[in-house]
Amino acid sequence: MTVPNLPRSKRFVATSTLVIGLASSALGKEWMKSSAFEPDLVEVYKKVGDTNLDLHIFYPDSKKPEQPTPGIVMFHGGGFRKGDPGAFFYFCDYLASRGMVAISARYRLGDQLDCLKDAKSAMRYVYTNSEKFGIDPKMLAGGGGSAGGHLAAGTATSKLINEETDDLSISPAPAALVLFNPILGHNDSVNRWKPEIRKDFRPWAGVHAKMPPTLCMWGEQDKFLSVEVMKEFQKKLTDVGVRCEIEIYPGQAHSFFDNDEEWVITTVGRADSFLASLGFLQGEPTIKEWVSKR
């Protein structure tokens, strides 16, 4: 089922280049609220009972690209218990302004296995409908924050946890990962699942040589992962030949990345540079200009 939206009136495309830095002033989070952005398309990718799980799609220039275009699917945080796709509307709007098809996905809350099943279903749906959305299936990235970062990584590592109705011949693995303070399942603290399911749920335990290039951004004071563990995750990937870049921001706690304007500029700019290095974006980041228009 497709629910079209009216084109957004606030699409700001910046064309000048910049050197990424901190904003001169932090205006807070008001402009980052989901109500400040309107997706170009909302489409249901899966229905579970009476619940519709939807994709919120942001197009470059508010219209489907005429040629296959790089894309990304984002998953919000909230400890697998709360949150909604609006958390990454600002990020999707920005990436759309840079030429990508950017999507923020809804998933069920509460049961962690259902969360991962939905994330994998969302990726499979986008791959299956890539032509419909104007996406180049060879250049579909995944990303997320906190629990959503865990889910995005899980789409590249999990083999056993799948929705029964999914076409398992379609890999949900993205071509790149952009992770904002992902949880990763470093500690195996879930005892109610079979050991093989516990392992499969944890990206930490599922690292393999065919994982995509990965960017992780953490705060130095993140209560869920120490700096030593962050660096160990990077080493786990690089040891099997996977490109993994990490940024550790001094003095910052968990979920620092959307605290205010300066961290939006810093982290989004870093994500932009990473995606550009892989050919998903062209030119220098325009995040400062984009923010200044808000």
Protein backbone atom coordinates (compact mmCIF):
# COMPACT_ATOMS: atom_id res chain seq x y z
CA MET A 1 0.00 0.00 0.00
CA THR A 2 1.36 3.40 -0.99
CA VAL A 3 0.41 6.66 0.66
CA PRO A 4 1.72 9.65 -1.34
CA ASN A 5 2.53 12.90 0.42
CA LEU A 6 2.56 16.41 -0.95
CA PRO A 7 6.03 17.64 -1.91
CA ARG A 8 7.86 19.29 0.92
CA SER A 9 8.14 23.04 0.74
CA LYS A 10 11.41 23.08 2.63
CA ARG A 11 13.95 21.29 0.48
CA PHE A 12 17.25 23.07 0.70
CA VAL A 13 19.94 22.10 -1.74
CA ALA A 14 23.30 23.66 -0.96
CA THR A 15 25.91 23.80 -3.69
CA SER A 16 28.96 25.36 -2.13
CA THR A 17 31.71 23.42 -0.44
CA LEU A 18 32.93 23.61 3.13
CA VAL A 19 35.34 22.24 5.65
CA ILE A 20 33.44 20.34 8.34
CA GLY A 21 33.62 21.94 11.76
CA LEU A 22 31.45 22.87 14.69
CA ALA A 23 28.59 25.27 14.38
CA SER A 24 29.20 28.72 15.73
CA SER A 25 26.13 28.38 17.92
CA ALA A 26 23.92 25.53 19.09
CA LEU A 27 20.25 26.23 18.52
CA GLY A 28 19.02 23.07 20.23
CA LYS A 29 16.80 20.34 18.83
CA GLU A 30 13.63 22.20 17.83
CA TRP A 31 14.42 22.25 14.13
CA MET A 32 15.31 18.54 14.20
CA LYS A 33 11.79 17.46 15.21
CA SER A 34 10.14 15.13 12.73
CA SER A 35 7.32 17.65 12.22
CA ALA A 36 9.85 19.96 10.54
CA PHE A 37 10.30 17.48 7.68
CA GLU A 38 7.87 15.74 5.38
CA PRO A 39 8.72 12.54 3.51
CA ASP A 40 7.92 12.45 -0.19
CA LEU A 41 6.43 8.99 0.08
CA VAL A 42 5.23 6.67 2.84
CA GLU A 43 4.93 3.02 1.90
CA VAL A 44 4.04 -0.04 3.97
CA TYR A 45 6.66 -2.79 3.63
CA LYS A 46 5.06 -5.29 6.01
CA LYS A 47 1.83 -5.75 7.92
CA VAL A 48 1.79 -7.70 11.18
CA GLY A 49 -1.73 -8.19 12.50
CA ASP A 50 -3.27 -4.72 12.55
CA THR A 51 0.13 -3.02 12.54
CA ASN A 52 1.47 -1.39 9.39
CA LEU A 53 5.24 -1.07 9.24
CA ASP A 54 6.18 1.71 6.87
CA LEU A 55 9.07 3.32 5.08
CA HIS A 56 9.38 7.11 5.09
CA ILE A 57 11.10 8.00 1.83
CA PHE A 58 12.93 11.23 1.03
CA TYR A 59 13.76 11.86 -2.64
CA PRO A 60 16.31 14.26 -4.14
CA ASP A 61 14.37 17.35 -5.24
CA SER A 62 11.21 15.68 -3.85
CA LYS A 63 10.81 13.31 -6.78
CA LYS A 64 11.87 9.80 -7.73
CA PRO A 65 15.23 9.87 -9.53
CA GLU A 66 15.14 9.16 -13.24
CA GLN A 67 18.33 7.11 -13.00
CA PRO A 68 19.28 4.48 -10.39
CA THR A 69 20.57 6.40 -7.39
CA PRO A 70 22.40 5.43 -4.18
CA GLY A 71 20.08 4.93 -1.21
CA ILE A 72 20.12 4.32 2.52
CA VAL A 73 17.69 2.80 5.04
CA MET A 74 17.89 4.17 8.60
CA PHE A 75 16.65 2.60 11.85
CA HIS A 76 15.88 4.74 14.92
CA GLY A 77 17.05 4.08 18.46
CA GLY A 78 15.14 3.67 21.69
CA GLY A 79 16.40 0.52 23.36
CA PHE A 80 14.17 -1.67 21.17
CA ARG A 81 11.24 -0.40 23.26
CA LYS A 82 10.45 3.10 22.03
CA GLY A 83 11.16 5.63 19.29
CA ASP A 84 9.86 6.22 15.78
CA PRO A 85 11.15 6.85 12.26
CA GLY A 86 10.98 10.63 12.73
CA ALA A 87 14.21 10.49 14.70
CA PHE A 88 16.18 10.33 11.46
CA PHE A 89 14.03 12.55 9.26
CA TYR A 90 16.64 15.32 9.51
CA PHE A 91 19.39 12.96 8.37
CA CYS A 92 17.27 11.61 5.51
CA ASP A 93 16.30 15.11 4.40
CA TYR A 94 19.95 16.12 4.32
CA LEU A 95 21.10 13.06 2.38
CA ALA A 96 18.27 13.62 -0.10
CA SER A 97 19.54 17.17 -0.56
CA ARG A 98 22.86 15.58 -1.47
CA GLY A 99 21.33 13.30 -4.07
CA MET A 100 20.51 10.05 -2.27
CA VAL A 101 17.18 8.32 -1.77
CA ALA A 102 17.01 8.26 2.03
CA ILE A 103 14.55 6.12 3.97
CA SER A 104 13.64 5.92 7.66
CA ALA A 105 11.95 2.65 8.61
CA ARG A 106 9.41 1.77 11.28
CA TYR A 107 9.79 -1.52 13.13
CA ARG A 108 7.91 -3.27 15.92
CA LEU A 109 8.91 -2.36 19.45
CA GLY A 110 9.33 -4.57 22.50
CA ASP A 111 10.56 -7.94 21.26
CA GLN A 112 14.17 -7.67 20.12
CA LEU A 113 13.90 -10.58 17.70
CA ASP A 114 10.88 -8.94 16.04
CA CYS A 115 12.90 -5.72 15.75
CA LEU A 116 15.63 -7.50 13.82
CA LYS A 117 13.15 -9.46 11.72
CA ASP A 118 11.54 -6.18 10.68
CA ALA A 119 14.86 -4.50 9.89
CA LYS A 120 15.78 -7.37 7.60
CA SER A 121 12.31 -7.32 6.03
CA ALA A 122 12.66 -3.59 5.37
CA MET A 123 15.99 -4.05 3.63
CA ARG A 124 14.67 -6.94 1.54
CA TYR A 125 11.62 -4.90 0.56
CA VAL A 126 13.75 -1.98 -0.61
CA TYR A 127 16.02 -4.30 -2.59
CA THR A 128 13.00 -5.96 -4.20
CA ASN A 129 11.47 -2.59 -5.06
CA SER A 130 14.67 -0.73 -5.84
CA GLU A 131 13.61 0.10 -9.40
CA LYS A 132 10.28 1.41 -8.13
CA PHE A 133 12.09 3.74 -5.70
CA GLY A 134 14.81 4.79 -8.14
CA ILE A 135 17.53 3.12 -6.09
CA ASP A 136 20.65 1.42 -7.38
CA PRO A 137 20.51 -1.93 -5.50
CA LYS A 138 24.30 -2.20 -5.61
CA MET A 139 24.53 1.07 -3.67
CA LEU A 140 22.02 0.64 -0.85
CA ALA A 141 23.46 1.51 2.55
CA GLY A 142 22.03 0.87 5.99
CA GLY A 143 22.34 2.84 9.18
CA GLY A 144 20.89 3.70 12.53
CA GLY A 145 21.44 4.98 16.03
CA SER A 146 21.83 3.04 19.28
CA ALA A 147 19.44 0.05 19.08
CA GLY A 148 18.81 1.05 15.46
CA GLY A 149 22.53 0.91 14.80
CA HIS A 150 22.52 -2.60 16.25
CA LEU A 151 19.67 -3.54 13.88
CA ALA A 152 21.39 -2.04 10.85
CA ALA A 153 24.56 -3.98 11.65
CA GLY A 154 22.43 -7.06 12.26
CA THR A 155 21.12 -6.97 8.70
CA ALA A 156 24.70 -7.68 7.65
CA THR A 157 25.52 -10.34 10.28
CA SER A 158 22.35 -12.26 11.20
CA LYS A 159 21.59 -15.48 9.33
CA LEU A 160 19.01 -17.28 11.50
CA ILE A 161 16.56 -14.59 12.62
CA ASN A 162 14.12 -13.97 9.77
CA GLU A 163 10.44 -13.30 9.23
CA GLU A 164 8.74 -16.48 8.00
CA THR A 165 7.14 -14.62 5.11
CA ASP A 166 10.43 -13.13 3.85
CA ASP A 167 12.07 -14.32 0.65
CA LEU A 168 15.30 -15.64 2.12
CA SER A 169 16.94 -15.74 -1.29
CA ILE A 170 17.24 -11.94 -1.01
CA SER A 171 20.10 -10.83 1.20
CA PRO A 172 19.24 -7.93 3.52
CA ALA A 173 22.88 -6.93 3.86
CA PRO A 174 23.62 -3.30 2.90
CA ALA A 175 26.54 -2.15 0.79
CA ALA A 176 27.74 0.20 3.55
CA LEU A 177 26.93 0.85 7.21
CA VAL A 178 26.65 4.23 8.94
CA LEU A 179 26.24 3.62 12.67
CA PHE A 180 25.60 6.21 15.37
CA ASN A 181 26.59 4.78 18.78
CA PRO A 182 25.45 1.24 17.92
CA ILE A 183 24.90 -1.19 20.82
CA LEU A 184 26.32 -4.21 18.93
CA GLY A 185 25.55 -6.83 21.59
CA HIS A 186 29.00 -6.88 23.14
CA ASN A 187 27.61 -8.44 26.32
CA ASP A 188 25.68 -11.68 25.86
CA SER A 189 23.09 -10.93 28.55
CA VAL A 190 19.97 -12.47 27.00
CA ASN A 191 19.38 -15.91 28.50
CA ARG A 192 15.86 -16.66 27.28
CA TRP A 193 16.99 -17.57 23.75
CA LYS A 194 18.82 -20.60 22.47
CA PRO A 195 22.60 -20.04 22.30
CA GLU A 196 22.62 -19.99 18.50
CA ILE A 197 19.88 -17.32 18.46
CA ARG A 198 21.68 -15.24 21.08
CA LYS A 199 24.80 -15.31 18.95
CA ASP A 200 22.91 -14.57 15.74
CA PHE A 201 21.25 -11.49 17.28
CA ARG A 202 24.59 -9.96 18.26
CA PRO A 203 26.51 -8.17 15.48
CA TRP A 204 29.54 -8.32 17.75
CA ALA A 205 29.54 -12.11 17.50
CA GLY A 206 28.69 -12.23 13.80
CA VAL A 207 31.56 -10.28 12.25
CA HIS A 208 32.67 -11.84 8.96
CA ALA A 209 34.86 -11.04 5.98
CA LYS A 210 31.98 -10.15 3.65
CA MET A 211 30.60 -7.36 5.83
CA PRO A 212 30.30 -3.95 4.14
CA PRO A 213 32.52 -0.93 4.82
CA THR A 214 31.45 0.45 8.18
CA LEU A 215 31.56 3.79 9.98
CA CYS A 216 30.89 3.90 13.74
CA MET A 217 30.58 7.12 15.75
CA TRP A 218 30.57 6.94 19.53
CA GLY A 219 30.83 9.27 22.49
CA GLU A 220 33.82 8.67 24.73
CA GLN A 221 31.53 8.47 27.77
CA ASP A 222 29.01 6.06 26.22
CA LYS A 223 27.63 4.00 29.13
CA PHE A 224 27.02 0.95 26.96
CA LEU A 225 30.47 0.55 25.40
CA SER A 226 33.91 1.50 26.63
CA VAL A 227 36.51 3.06 24.35
CA GLU A 228 38.45 -0.20 24.57
CA VAL A 229 35.44 -2.17 23.32
CA MET A 230 34.84 0.33 20.52
CA LYS A 231 38.39 -0.10 19.31
CA GLU A 232 38.12 -3.86 19.69
CA PHE A 233 35.11 -3.90 17.37
CA GLN A 234 37.08 -1.99 14.78
CA LYS A 235 39.92 -4.48 15.12
CA LYS A 236 37.52 -7.43 14.72
CA LEU A 237 36.43 -6.04 11.35
CA THR A 238 39.83 -4.96 10.10
CA ASP A 239 41.31 -8.33 11.08
CA VAL A 240 38.97 -10.03 8.59
CA GLY A 241 39.67 -7.44 5.90
CA VAL A 242 36.62 -5.20 6.36
CA ARG A 243 37.07 -1.45 6.21
CA CYS A 244 35.93 0.00 9.55
CA GLU A 245 36.34 3.62 10.53
CA ILE A 246 35.51 4.82 14.01
CA GLU A 247 35.17 8.26 15.52
CA ILE A 248 35.25 8.64 19.31
CA TYR A 249 34.16 12.07 20.48
CA PRO A 250 35.74 13.22 23.77
CA GLY A 251 33.43 13.88 26.70
CA GLN A 252 30.26 12.79 24.88
CA ALA A 253 27.72 10.33 26.25
CA HIS A 254 25.34 7.95 24.52
CA SER A 255 23.05 9.53 21.90
CA PHE A 256 25.20 12.66 21.80
CA PHE A 257 24.88 12.90 18.04
CA ASP A 258 21.48 14.60 18.02
CA ASN A 259 21.90 16.75 21.13
CA ASP A 260 22.24 20.02 19.27
CA GLU A 261 23.30 21.70 16.09
CA GLU A 262 27.05 21.35 16.51
CA TRP A 263 26.87 17.58 16.80
CA VAL A 264 24.55 17.34 13.82
CA ILE A 265 27.13 19.20 11.76
CA THR A 266 29.99 17.08 13.08
CA THR A 267 28.44 13.61 12.79
CA VAL A 268 26.39 14.15 9.63
CA GLY A 269 29.41 15.71 7.98
CA ARG A 270 31.50 12.70 8.95
CA ALA A 271 28.85 10.33 7.58
CA ASP A 272 28.73 12.36 4.37
CA SER A 273 32.49 12.13 3.91
CA PHE A 274 32.43 8.38 4.51
CA LEU A 275 29.63 7.82 1.99
CA ALA A 276 31.38 10.07 -0.52
CA SER A 277 34.56 8.01 -0.18
CA LEU A 278 32.52 4.98 -1.29
CA GLY A 279 30.95 6.81 -4.23
CA PHE A 280 27.47 7.17 -2.71
CA LEU A 281 27.79 10.97 -2.73
CA GLN A 282 29.73 13.44 -4.83
CA GLY A 283 31.66 16.51 -3.74
CA GLU A 284 32.19 17.98 -0.31
CA PRO A 285 29.61 17.88 2.52
CA THR A 286 27.10 20.73 2.51
CA ILE A 287 25.79 20.22 6.03
CA LYS A 288 26.68 23.72 7.27
CA GLU A 289 24.74 25.36 4.47
CA TRP A 290 21.84 22.95 4.97
CA VAL A 291 21.64 23.70 8.69
CA SER A 292 21.86 27.44 8.10
CA LYS A 293 18.69 27.21 5.96
CA ARG A 294 16.68 25.58 8.71
